[in-house]
Amino acid sequence: PVLRLYNLLKAADRSDDAEGLITDALNAQPNSLNLRWVRAGELELDGDIEGAIALYEAMYETNSNSVTIANNLASLIATHRDDTEGLERAATIAKRLRDTDVPAFQDTYGWIAYRLGNYSDARDYLEPAAAGLPDDPLVQYHLGMTYVALEDTAAARTQLTLALDLAGDSPLPQFEAARTALQELGE
């Protein structure tokens, strides 16, 4: 019932009430996986990436068999942390995604491979991920940056241009990096 009411409040453009509902529900049921999942999503949308990572870490600690929790945690770490320890942690968590055919999981695994400098492996996962998620600008960006690293200039231009077209006016730093990469490639 809480999640249904939450969704109704969000649909009615009552986000503050929806967030308050989740806070109250978590106070009553602090170990609820579904409620913590919603809170992690809210934290991520609000830009509190470290808070979202901490919540996913707590969920992963008690539900390490959940592939979706593992994917979300590894993806956030790989996207928002630059330290070697963090990237290695993301790679360890994402090992279970290695032979997946789920595009979102392929994207996570491929982006981690890219971040670790394994560009051929990254391409092998990011190409099917981009085909499976053709409207996701971040997935297209990941593949485009992989093509840049592999020095496939034509494919990189095409992919990064697609990512920027899909992103529109998104303020995410990845799309500024895409613009910079395109300039360096000589648009």
C-alpha atoms as a PDB file:
ATOM      1  CA  PRO A   1       0.000   0.000   0.000  1.00  0.00           C
ATOM      2  CA  VAL A   2       2.832   2.419   0.773  1.00  0.00           C
ATOM      3  CA  LEU A   3       4.380   1.994  -2.649  1.00  0.00           C
ATOM      4  CA  ARG A   4       1.029   2.439  -4.367  1.00  0.00           C
ATOM      5  CA  LEU A   5       0.369   5.626  -2.439  1.00  0.00           C
ATOM      6  CA  TYR A   6       3.927   6.783  -3.153  1.00  0.00           C
ATOM      7  CA  ASN A   7       3.381   6.271  -6.899  1.00  0.00           C
ATOM      8  CA  LEU A   8       0.049   8.100  -6.761  1.00  0.00           C
ATOM      9  CA  LEU A   9       1.627  11.046  -4.962  1.00  0.00           C
ATOM     10  CA  LYS A  10       4.477  11.178  -7.508  1.00  0.00           C
ATOM     11  CA  ALA A  11       1.971  11.018 -10.377  1.00  0.00           C
ATOM     12  CA  ALA A  12       0.017  13.878  -8.785  1.00  0.00           C
ATOM     13  CA  ASP A  13       3.228  15.962  -8.710  1.00  0.00           C
ATOM     14  CA  ARG A  14       3.383  15.781  -4.917  1.00  0.00           C
ATOM     15  CA  SER A  15       7.008  14.708  -4.632  1.00  0.00           C
ATOM     16  CA  ASP A  16       7.546  16.200  -1.172  1.00  0.00           C
ATOM     17  CA  ASP A  17       4.592  14.237   0.191  1.00  0.00           C
ATOM     18  CA  ALA A  18       5.840  11.089  -1.554  1.00  0.00           C
ATOM     19  CA  GLU A  19       9.321  11.461  -0.050  1.00  0.00           C
ATOM     20  CA  GLY A  20       7.804  12.114   3.387  1.00  0.00           C
ATOM     21  CA  LEU A  21       5.723   8.973   3.043  1.00  0.00           C
ATOM     22  CA  ILE A  22       8.823   6.898   2.311  1.00  0.00           C
ATOM     23  CA  THR A  23      10.641   8.458   5.262  1.00  0.00           C
ATOM     24  CA  ASP A  24       7.750   7.628   7.614  1.00  0.00           C
ATOM     25  CA  ALA A  25       7.434   4.116   6.200  1.00  0.00           C
ATOM     26  CA  LEU A  26      11.181   3.508   6.592  1.00  0.00           C
ATOM     27  CA  ASN A  27      10.971   4.665  10.211  1.00  0.00           C
ATOM     28  CA  ALA A  28       8.316   1.994  10.756  1.00  0.00           C
ATOM     29  CA  GLN A  29      10.009  -0.677   8.591  1.00  0.00           C
ATOM     30  CA  PRO A  30      13.721   0.159   8.351  1.00  0.00           C
ATOM     31  CA  ASN A  31      14.672  -3.196   6.819  1.00  0.00           C
ATOM     32  CA  SER A  32      12.109  -3.146   4.007  1.00  0.00           C
ATOM     33  CA  LEU A  33      13.981  -3.869   0.799  1.00  0.00           C
ATOM     34  CA  ASN A  34      11.337  -2.198  -1.369  1.00  0.00           C
ATOM     35  CA  LEU A  35      11.292   0.977   0.705  1.00  0.00           C
ATOM     36  CA  ARG A  36      15.093   1.190   0.785  1.00  0.00           C
ATOM     37  CA  TRP A  37      15.122   0.636  -2.988  1.00  0.00           C
ATOM     38  CA  VAL A  38      12.793   3.592  -3.498  1.00  0.00           C
ATOM     39  CA  ARG A  39      14.864   5.755  -1.143  1.00  0.00           C
ATOM     40  CA  ALA A  40      18.071   4.868  -3.023  1.00  0.00           C
ATOM     41  CA  GLY A  41      16.413   5.930  -6.265  1.00  0.00           C
ATOM     42  CA  GLU A  42      15.318   9.213  -4.696  1.00  0.00           C
ATOM     43  CA  LEU A  43      18.817   9.869  -3.387  1.00  0.00           C
ATOM     44  CA  GLU A  44      20.277   9.221  -6.822  1.00  0.00           C
ATOM     45  CA  LEU A  45      17.791  11.546  -8.516  1.00  0.00           C
ATOM     46  CA  ASP A  46      18.492  14.234  -5.916  1.00  0.00           C
ATOM     47  CA  GLY A  47      22.208  13.998  -6.686  1.00  0.00           C
ATOM     48  CA  ASP A  48      23.157  12.352  -3.384  1.00  0.00           C
ATOM     49  CA  ILE A  49      25.191   9.649  -5.104  1.00  0.00           C
ATOM     50  CA  GLU A  50      27.222   8.754  -2.027  1.00  0.00           C
ATOM     51  CA  GLY A  51      24.002   8.361  -0.041  1.00  0.00           C
ATOM     52  CA  ALA A  52      22.563   6.111  -2.755  1.00  0.00           C
ATOM     53  CA  ILE A  53      25.765   4.055  -2.856  1.00  0.00           C
ATOM     54  CA  ALA A  54      25.702   3.677   0.937  1.00  0.00           C
ATOM     55  CA  LEU A  55      22.100   2.477   0.830  1.00  0.00           C
ATOM     56  CA  TYR A  56      22.812   0.035  -2.012  1.00  0.00           C
ATOM     57  CA  GLU A  57      25.865  -1.208  -0.069  1.00  0.00           C
ATOM     58  CA  ALA A  58      23.603  -1.927   2.914  1.00  0.00           C
ATOM     59  CA  MET A  59      21.076  -3.703   0.685  1.00  0.00           C
ATOM     60  CA  TYR A  60      23.863  -5.666  -1.018  1.00  0.00           C
ATOM     61  CA  GLU A  61      25.255  -6.731   2.344  1.00  0.00           C
ATOM     62  CA  THR A  62      21.979  -8.461   3.217  1.00  0.00           C
ATOM     63  CA  ASN A  63      20.932  -9.416  -0.350  1.00  0.00           C
ATOM     64  CA  SER A  64      24.172 -10.181  -2.178  1.00  0.00           C
ATOM     65  CA  ASN A  65      22.348 -12.725  -4.350  1.00  0.00           C
ATOM     66  CA  SER A  66      20.243  -9.982  -5.984  1.00  0.00           C
ATOM     67  CA  VAL A  67      21.636  -9.335  -9.453  1.00  0.00           C
ATOM     68  CA  THR A  68      19.704  -6.083  -9.757  1.00  0.00           C
ATOM     69  CA  ILE A  69      21.063  -4.670  -6.497  1.00  0.00           C
ATOM     70  CA  ALA A  70      24.567  -5.754  -7.547  1.00  0.00           C
ATOM     71  CA  ASN A  71      24.117  -4.081 -10.941  1.00  0.00           C
ATOM     72  CA  ASN A  72      22.849  -0.805  -9.489  1.00  0.00           C
ATOM     73  CA  LEU A  73      25.595  -0.658  -6.881  1.00  0.00           C
ATOM     74  CA  ALA A  74      28.375  -1.500  -9.349  1.00  0.00           C
ATOM     75  CA  SER A  75      26.987   0.963 -11.893  1.00  0.00           C
ATOM     76  CA  LEU A  76      26.875   3.852  -9.414  1.00  0.00           C
ATOM     77  CA  ILE A  77      30.388   3.140  -8.198  1.00  0.00           C
ATOM     78  CA  ALA A  78      31.792   2.831 -11.731  1.00  0.00           C
ATOM     79  CA  THR A  79      30.041   5.988 -12.876  1.00  0.00           C
ATOM     80  CA  HIS A  80      30.769   8.258  -9.941  1.00  0.00           C
ATOM     81  CA  ARG A  81      34.043   7.147  -8.412  1.00  0.00           C
ATOM     82  CA  ASP A  82      37.493   7.439  -9.907  1.00  0.00           C
ATOM     83  CA  ASP A  83      39.635   5.715  -7.305  1.00  0.00           C
ATOM     84  CA  THR A  84      41.206   2.358  -8.119  1.00  0.00           C
ATOM     85  CA  GLU A  85      39.779   0.740  -4.995  1.00  0.00           C
ATOM     86  CA  GLY A  86      36.242   1.811  -5.944  1.00  0.00           C
ATOM     87  CA  LEU A  87      36.598   0.586  -9.524  1.00  0.00           C
ATOM     88  CA  GLU A  88      37.987  -2.740  -8.348  1.00  0.00           C
ATOM     89  CA  ARG A  89      35.052  -3.051  -5.927  1.00  0.00           C
ATOM     90  CA  ALA A  90      32.647  -2.373  -8.788  1.00  0.00           C
ATOM     91  CA  ALA A  91      34.394  -5.023 -10.905  1.00  0.00           C
ATOM     92  CA  THR A  92      34.165  -7.578  -8.094  1.00  0.00           C
ATOM     93  CA  ILE A  93      30.459  -6.916  -7.605  1.00  0.00           C
ATOM     94  CA  ALA A  94      29.810  -7.017 -11.359  1.00  0.00           C
ATOM     95  CA  LYS A  95      31.531 -10.355 -12.052  1.00  0.00           C
ATOM     96  CA  ARG A  96      28.143 -12.052 -12.018  1.00  0.00           C
ATOM     97  CA  LEU A  97      27.112  -9.870 -14.979  1.00  0.00           C
ATOM     98  CA  ARG A  98      29.877 -11.215 -17.231  1.00  0.00           C
ATOM     99  CA  ASP A  99      27.788 -13.482 -19.479  1.00  0.00           C
ATOM    100  CA  THR A 100      24.509 -11.624 -19.272  1.00  0.00           C
ATOM    101  CA  ASP A 101      22.272 -10.730 -22.184  1.00  0.00           C
ATOM    102  CA  VAL A 102      20.368  -8.052 -20.240  1.00  0.00           C
ATOM    103  CA  PRO A 103      21.298  -4.713 -21.849  1.00  0.00           C
ATOM    104  CA  ALA A 104      21.447  -2.716 -18.582  1.00  0.00           C
ATOM    105  CA  PHE A 105      23.728  -5.333 -17.043  1.00  0.00           C
ATOM    106  CA  GLN A 106      25.862  -5.447 -20.200  1.00  0.00           C
ATOM    107  CA  ASP A 107      26.244  -1.690 -19.957  1.00  0.00           C
ATOM    108  CA  THR A 108      27.392  -1.879 -16.347  1.00  0.00           C
ATOM    109  CA  TYR A 109      29.883  -4.650 -17.032  1.00  0.00           C
ATOM    110  CA  GLY A 110      31.150  -2.970 -20.196  1.00  0.00           C
ATOM    111  CA  TRP A 111      31.562   0.436 -18.581  1.00  0.00           C
ATOM    112  CA  ILE A 112      33.514  -1.072 -15.715  1.00  0.00           C
ATOM    113  CA  ALA A 113      35.756  -2.806 -18.269  1.00  0.00           C
ATOM    114  CA  TYR A 114      36.258   0.561 -19.982  1.00  0.00           C
ATOM    115  CA  ARG A 115      37.069   2.312 -16.697  1.00  0.00           C
ATOM    116  CA  LEU A 116      39.670  -0.376 -15.985  1.00  0.00           C
ATOM    117  CA  GLY A 117      41.248   0.058 -19.449  1.00  0.00           C
ATOM    118  CA  ASN A 118      39.931  -3.189 -20.963  1.00  0.00           C
ATOM    119  CA  TYR A 119      38.578  -1.523 -24.097  1.00  0.00           C
ATOM    120  CA  SER A 120      38.052  -4.602 -26.271  1.00  0.00           C
ATOM    121  CA  ASP A 121      36.060  -6.276 -23.510  1.00  0.00           C
ATOM    122  CA  ALA A 122      34.144  -3.059 -23.032  1.00  0.00           C
ATOM    123  CA  ARG A 123      33.198  -2.965 -26.718  1.00  0.00           C
ATOM    124  CA  ASP A 124      32.030  -6.586 -26.612  1.00  0.00           C
ATOM    125  CA  TYR A 125      29.509  -5.708 -23.885  1.00  0.00           C
ATOM    126  CA  LEU A 126      28.632  -2.145 -24.812  1.00  0.00           C
ATOM    127  CA  GLU A 127      27.714  -2.823 -28.449  1.00  0.00           C
ATOM    128  CA  PRO A 128      24.838  -5.165 -27.541  1.00  0.00           C
ATOM    129  CA  ALA A 129      23.898  -2.916 -24.614  1.00  0.00           C
ATOM    130  CA  ALA A 130      23.622   0.083 -26.956  1.00  0.00           C
ATOM    131  CA  ALA A 131      21.564  -1.964 -29.412  1.00  0.00           C
ATOM    132  CA  GLY A 132      19.270  -3.131 -26.608  1.00  0.00           C
ATOM    133  CA  LEU A 133      18.886   0.352 -25.084  1.00  0.00           C
ATOM    134  CA  PRO A 134      18.863   2.561 -28.193  1.00  0.00           C
ATOM    135  CA  ASP A 135      17.222   5.517 -26.436  1.00  0.00           C
ATOM    136  CA  ASP A 136      19.546   5.645 -23.426  1.00  0.00           C
ATOM    137  CA  PRO A 137      22.059   8.451 -23.934  1.00  0.00           C
ATOM    138  CA  LEU A 138      24.469   7.230 -21.240  1.00  0.00           C
ATOM    139  CA  VAL A 139      24.730   3.778 -22.793  1.00  0.00           C
ATOM    140  CA  GLN A 140      25.424   5.386 -26.179  1.00  0.00           C
ATOM    141  CA  TYR A 141      28.024   7.643 -24.524  1.00  0.00           C
ATOM    142  CA  HIS A 142      29.729   4.626 -22.939  1.00  0.00           C
ATOM    143  CA  LEU A 143      30.031   2.942 -26.314  1.00  0.00           C
ATOM    144  CA  GLY A 144      31.207   6.151 -27.968  1.00  0.00           C
ATOM    145  CA  MET A 145      33.969   6.654 -25.416  1.00  0.00           C
ATOM    146  CA  THR A 146      35.014   3.049 -25.910  1.00  0.00           C
ATOM    147  CA  TYR A 147      35.340   3.693 -29.645  1.00  0.00           C
ATOM    148  CA  VAL A 148      37.464   6.751 -28.837  1.00  0.00           C
ATOM    149  CA  ALA A 149      39.759   4.596 -26.696  1.00  0.00           C
ATOM    150  CA  LEU A 150      39.980   2.012 -29.476  1.00  0.00           C
ATOM    151  CA  GLU A 151      40.785   4.795 -31.974  1.00  0.00           C
ATOM    152  CA  ASP A 152      37.765   3.966 -34.142  1.00  0.00           C
ATOM    153  CA  THR A 153      37.195   7.608 -35.028  1.00  0.00           C
ATOM    154  CA  ALA A 154      34.238   7.206 -37.389  1.00  0.00           C
ATOM    155  CA  ALA A 155      32.300   4.989 -34.987  1.00  0.00           C
ATOM    156  CA  ALA A 156      33.183   7.284 -32.077  1.00  0.00           C
ATOM    157  CA  ARG A 157      31.822  10.351 -33.891  1.00  0.00           C
ATOM    158  CA  THR A 158      28.604   8.561 -34.789  1.00  0.00           C
ATOM    159  CA  GLN A 159      28.047   7.179 -31.310  1.00  0.00           C
ATOM    160  CA  LEU A 160      28.894  10.355 -29.397  1.00  0.00           C
ATOM    161  CA  THR A 161      26.704  12.435 -31.709  1.00  0.00           C
ATOM    162  CA  LEU A 162      23.843  10.016 -31.064  1.00  0.00           C
ATOM    163  CA  ALA A 163      24.437  10.231 -27.304  1.00  0.00           C
ATOM    164  CA  LEU A 164      24.307  14.029 -27.402  1.00  0.00           C
ATOM    165  CA  ASP A 165      21.171  14.034 -29.573  1.00  0.00           C
ATOM    166  CA  LEU A 166      19.457  11.711 -27.101  1.00  0.00           C
ATOM    167  CA  ALA A 167      20.698  13.669 -24.071  1.00  0.00           C
ATOM    168  CA  GLY A 168      19.229  16.959 -25.224  1.00  0.00           C
ATOM    169  CA  ASP A 169      20.039  19.604 -22.622  1.00  0.00           C
ATOM    170  CA  SER A 170      21.022  17.164 -19.872  1.00  0.00           C
ATOM    171  CA  PRO A 171      23.498  18.751 -17.465  1.00  0.00           C
ATOM    172  CA  LEU A 172      25.306  15.470 -16.743  1.00  0.00           C
ATOM    173  CA  PRO A 173      29.098  15.820 -16.994  1.00  0.00           C
ATOM    174  CA  GLN A 174      29.316  12.797 -19.280  1.00  0.00           C
ATOM    175  CA  PHE A 175      27.733  14.803 -22.076  1.00  0.00           C
ATOM    176  CA  GLU A 176      30.225  17.623 -21.662  1.00  0.00           C
ATOM    177  CA  ALA A 177      32.923  14.955 -21.928  1.00  0.00           C
ATOM    178  CA  ALA A 178      31.231  13.729 -25.127  1.00  0.00           C
ATOM    179  CA  ARG A 179      31.318  17.255 -26.586  1.00  0.00           C
ATOM    180  CA  THR A 180      34.995  17.574 -25.691  1.00  0.00           C
ATOM    181  CA  ALA A 181      35.788  14.188 -27.228  1.00  0.00           C
ATOM    182  CA  LEU A 182      33.975  15.146 -30.441  1.00  0.00           C
ATOM    183  CA  GLN A 183      35.960  18.377 -30.663  1.00  0.00           C
ATOM    184  CA  GLU A 184      39.200  16.462 -30.159  1.00  0.00           C
ATOM    185  CA  LEU A 185      38.155  14.036 -32.905  1.00  0.00           C
ATOM    186  CA  GLY A 186      37.589  17.001 -35.221  1.00  0.00           C
ATOM    187  CA  GLU A 187      33.811  16.890 -35.537  1.00  0.00           C
END
